[in-house]
C-alpha atoms as a PDB file:
ATOM      1  CA  UNK A   1     -18.651  43.258  -0.439  1.00  0.00           C
ATOM      2  CA  UNK A   2     -19.128  43.527   3.300  1.00  0.00           C
ATOM      3  CA  UNK A   3     -15.690  44.293   4.709  1.00  0.00           C
ATOM      4  CA  UNK A   4     -16.174  41.535   7.287  1.00  0.00           C
ATOM      5  CA  UNK A   5     -17.924  38.906   5.146  1.00  0.00           C
ATOM      6  CA  UNK A   6     -17.161  37.816   1.608  1.00  0.00           C
ATOM      7  CA  UNK A   7     -20.714  37.635   0.303  1.00  0.00           C
ATOM      8  CA  UNK A   8     -19.676  35.517  -2.677  1.00  0.00           C
ATOM      9  CA  UNK A   9     -19.086  32.688  -0.184  1.00  0.00           C
ATOM     10  CA  UNK A  10     -22.526  33.248   1.325  1.00  0.00           C
ATOM     11  CA  UNK A  11     -24.085  33.244  -2.132  1.00  0.00           C
ATOM     12  CA  UNK A  12     -22.277  30.009  -2.975  1.00  0.00           C
ATOM     13  CA  UNK A  13     -23.682  28.366   0.157  1.00  0.00           C
ATOM     14  CA  UNK A  14     -27.158  29.522  -0.829  1.00  0.00           C
ATOM     15  CA  UNK A  15     -26.673  28.101  -4.331  1.00  0.00           C
ATOM     16  CA  UNK A  16     -26.343  24.572  -2.926  1.00  0.00           C
ATOM     17  CA  UNK A  17     -30.089  24.523  -2.457  1.00  0.00           C
ATOM     18  CA  UNK A  18     -32.338  24.381  -5.525  1.00  0.00           C
ATOM     19  CA  UNK A  19     -34.774  26.944  -4.199  1.00  0.00           C
ATOM     20  CA  UNK A  20     -32.312  29.221  -2.400  1.00  0.00           C
ATOM     21  CA  UNK A  21     -33.364  27.826   0.984  1.00  0.00           C
ATOM     22  CA  UNK A  22     -30.912  29.250   3.521  1.00  0.00           C
ATOM     23  CA  UNK A  23     -31.050  26.200   5.837  1.00  0.00           C
ATOM     24  CA  UNK A  24     -27.431  25.141   5.241  1.00  0.00           C
ATOM     25  CA  UNK A  25     -26.212  28.712   5.699  1.00  0.00           C
ATOM     26  CA  UNK A  26     -28.261  29.134   8.884  1.00  0.00           C
ATOM     27  CA  UNK A  27     -26.918  25.838  10.275  1.00  0.00           C
ATOM     28  CA  UNK A  28     -23.317  26.855   9.587  1.00  0.00           C
ATOM     29  CA  UNK A  29     -23.841  30.274  11.134  1.00  0.00           C
ATOM     30  CA  UNK A  30     -25.438  28.741  14.222  1.00  0.00           C
ATOM     31  CA  UNK A  31     -22.563  26.282  14.683  1.00  0.00           C
ATOM     32  CA  UNK A  32     -20.067  29.123  14.286  1.00  0.00           C
ATOM     33  CA  UNK A  33     -21.888  31.262  16.853  1.00  0.00           C
ATOM     34  CA  UNK A  34     -22.091  28.375  19.319  1.00  0.00           C
ATOM     35  CA  UNK A  35     -18.541  27.025  18.917  1.00  0.00           C
ATOM     36  CA  UNK A  36     -16.599  30.177  18.083  1.00  0.00           C
ATOM     37  CA  UNK A  37     -16.382  31.755  21.532  1.00  0.00           C
ATOM     38  CA  UNK A  38     -14.840  28.617  23.041  1.00  0.00           C
ATOM     39  CA  UNK A  39     -12.279  28.488  20.221  1.00  0.00           C
ATOM     40  CA  UNK A  40     -11.349  32.138  20.750  1.00  0.00           C
ATOM     41  CA  UNK A  41     -11.030  31.445  24.476  1.00  0.00           C
ATOM     42  CA  UNK A  42      -8.877  28.375  23.803  1.00  0.00           C
ATOM     43  CA  UNK A  43      -6.520  30.441  21.658  1.00  0.00           C
ATOM     44  CA  UNK A  44      -6.185  33.094  24.368  1.00  0.00           C
ATOM     45  CA  UNK A  45      -5.777  30.527  27.116  1.00  0.00           C
ATOM     46  CA  UNK A  46      -3.212  28.616  25.098  1.00  0.00           C
ATOM     47  CA  UNK A  47      -1.183  31.750  24.388  1.00  0.00           C
ATOM     48  CA  UNK A  48      -1.359  32.888  28.024  1.00  0.00           C
ATOM     49  CA  UNK A  49      -0.254  29.481  29.304  1.00  0.00           C
ATOM     50  CA  UNK A  50       2.376  28.970  26.623  1.00  0.00           C
ATOM     51  CA  UNK A  51       0.398  25.973  25.378  1.00  0.00           C
ATOM     52  CA  UNK A  52       1.124  26.469  21.705  1.00  0.00           C
ATOM     53  CA  UNK A  53      -0.494  23.200  20.677  1.00  0.00           C
ATOM     54  CA  UNK A  54      -3.826  24.143  22.250  1.00  0.00           C
ATOM     55  CA  UNK A  55      -3.746  27.594  20.663  1.00  0.00           C
ATOM     56  CA  UNK A  56      -2.764  26.201  17.267  1.00  0.00           C
ATOM     57  CA  UNK A  57      -5.559  23.594  17.276  1.00  0.00           C
ATOM     58  CA  UNK A  58      -8.177  26.194  18.188  1.00  0.00           C
ATOM     59  CA  UNK A  59      -6.869  28.702  15.624  1.00  0.00           C
ATOM     60  CA  UNK A  60      -6.879  26.004  12.941  1.00  0.00           C
ATOM     61  CA  UNK A  61     -10.452  25.020  13.718  1.00  0.00           C
ATOM     62  CA  UNK A  62     -11.651  28.625  13.791  1.00  0.00           C
ATOM     63  CA  UNK A  63      -9.809  29.334  10.538  1.00  0.00           C
ATOM     64  CA  UNK A  64     -11.796  26.588   8.829  1.00  0.00           C
ATOM     65  CA  UNK A  65     -15.189  27.590  10.133  1.00  0.00           C
ATOM     66  CA  UNK A  66     -14.626  31.277   9.419  1.00  0.00           C
ATOM     67  CA  UNK A  67     -13.456  30.475   5.897  1.00  0.00           C
ATOM     68  CA  UNK A  68     -16.545  28.359   5.273  1.00  0.00           C
ATOM     69  CA  UNK A  69     -18.689  31.421   6.001  1.00  0.00           C
ATOM     70  CA  UNK A  70     -16.582  33.984   4.182  1.00  0.00           C
ATOM     71  CA  UNK A  71     -15.247  35.716   7.297  1.00  0.00           C
ATOM     72  CA  UNK A  72     -11.956  36.400   5.527  1.00  0.00           C
ATOM     73  CA  UNK A  73     -10.480  38.904   7.983  1.00  0.00           C
ATOM     74  CA  UNK A  74     -10.933  36.449  10.842  1.00  0.00           C
ATOM     75  CA  UNK A  75      -9.690  33.582   8.700  1.00  0.00           C
ATOM     76  CA  UNK A  76      -6.493  35.521   7.905  1.00  0.00           C
ATOM     77  CA  UNK A  77      -5.747  36.325  11.548  1.00  0.00           C
ATOM     78  CA  UNK A  78      -6.398  32.692  12.476  1.00  0.00           C
ATOM     79  CA  UNK A  79      -3.899  31.601   9.852  1.00  0.00           C
ATOM     80  CA  UNK A  80      -1.304  34.022  11.211  1.00  0.00           C
ATOM     81  CA  UNK A  81      -1.989  32.741  14.731  1.00  0.00           C
ATOM     82  CA  UNK A  82      -1.744  29.147  13.592  1.00  0.00           C
ATOM     83  CA  UNK A  83       1.701  29.793  12.115  1.00  0.00           C
ATOM     84  CA  UNK A  84       2.892  31.834  15.096  1.00  0.00           C
ATOM     85  CA  UNK A  85       1.895  29.121  17.537  1.00  0.00           C
ATOM     86  CA  UNK A  86       3.205  26.292  15.349  1.00  0.00           C
ATOM     87  CA  UNK A  87       6.641  27.902  15.425  1.00  0.00           C
ATOM     88  CA  UNK A  88       6.341  28.900  19.108  1.00  0.00           C
ATOM     89  CA  UNK A  89       6.595  32.616  18.425  1.00  0.00           C
ATOM     90  CA  UNK A  90       5.285  33.878  21.735  1.00  0.00           C
ATOM     91  CA  UNK A  91       5.569  37.613  20.976  1.00  0.00           C
ATOM     92  CA  UNK A  92       3.683  37.219  17.696  1.00  0.00           C
ATOM     93  CA  UNK A  93       1.075  35.038  19.394  1.00  0.00           C
ATOM     94  CA  UNK A  94       0.538  37.607  22.127  1.00  0.00           C
ATOM     95  CA  UNK A  95       0.215  40.385  19.527  1.00  0.00           C
ATOM     96  CA  UNK A  96      -2.290  38.397  17.455  1.00  0.00           C
ATOM     97  CA  UNK A  97      -4.536  37.155  20.307  1.00  0.00           C
ATOM     98  CA  UNK A  98      -6.441  40.436  20.849  1.00  0.00           C
ATOM     99  CA  UNK A  99      -6.684  40.950  17.080  1.00  0.00           C
ATOM    100  CA  UNK A 100      -8.185  37.476  16.687  1.00  0.00           C
ATOM    101  CA  UNK A 101     -10.713  38.241  19.400  1.00  0.00           C
ATOM    102  CA  UNK A 102     -11.632  41.550  17.746  1.00  0.00           C
ATOM    103  CA  UNK A 103     -12.011  39.935  14.313  1.00  0.00           C
ATOM    104  CA  UNK A 104     -14.201  37.231  15.827  1.00  0.00           C
ATOM    105  CA  UNK A 105     -16.460  39.853  17.398  1.00  0.00           C
ATOM    106  CA  UNK A 106     -16.774  41.614  14.020  1.00  0.00           C
ATOM    107  CA  UNK A 107     -17.557  38.353  12.209  1.00  0.00           C
ATOM    108  CA  UNK A 108     -20.024  37.352  14.903  1.00  0.00           C
ATOM    109  CA  UNK A 109     -21.880  40.653  14.525  1.00  0.00           C
ATOM    110  CA  UNK A 110     -21.996  40.421  10.728  1.00  0.00           C
ATOM    111  CA  UNK A 111     -23.210  36.816  10.864  1.00  0.00           C
ATOM    112  CA  UNK A 112     -25.893  37.611  13.449  1.00  0.00           C
ATOM    113  CA  UNK A 113     -27.091  40.432  11.184  1.00  0.00           C
ATOM    114  CA  UNK A 114     -27.142  38.085   8.190  1.00  0.00           C
ATOM    115  CA  UNK A 115     -28.944  35.436  10.229  1.00  0.00           C
ATOM    116  CA  UNK A 116     -31.574  37.966  11.317  1.00  0.00           C
ATOM    117  CA  UNK A 117     -32.158  39.035   7.721  1.00  0.00           C
ATOM    118  CA  UNK A 118     -33.321  35.505   6.867  1.00  0.00           C
ATOM    119  CA  UNK A 119     -35.521  35.166   9.945  1.00  0.00           C
ATOM    120  CA  UNK A 120     -37.560  38.277   9.281  1.00  0.00           C
END
């Protein structure tokens, strides 16, 4: 298992197509790569501004999309952030924000690598 991606999730997505066509997987990866940076930014902005609702919404959304692609480490940090912001735990939120950003960068790199492997 890739430490960043749970490949069993990727394999399950590939199994949805009769011939193993990666179109669904590629679409999900592309949406993640396009939407993810704005969600990470929204979490950071929300934490910095003390806007817990904004940060929680963005963390929740990113948790779902990362889980759909098997980015478990990112999904876990998003869940922690979602709880920290829901309960207005500013110190925890500030501690988790850079970790969330780092985990996103790792997931993004792993997904770009996976995406490239299907394009070649």
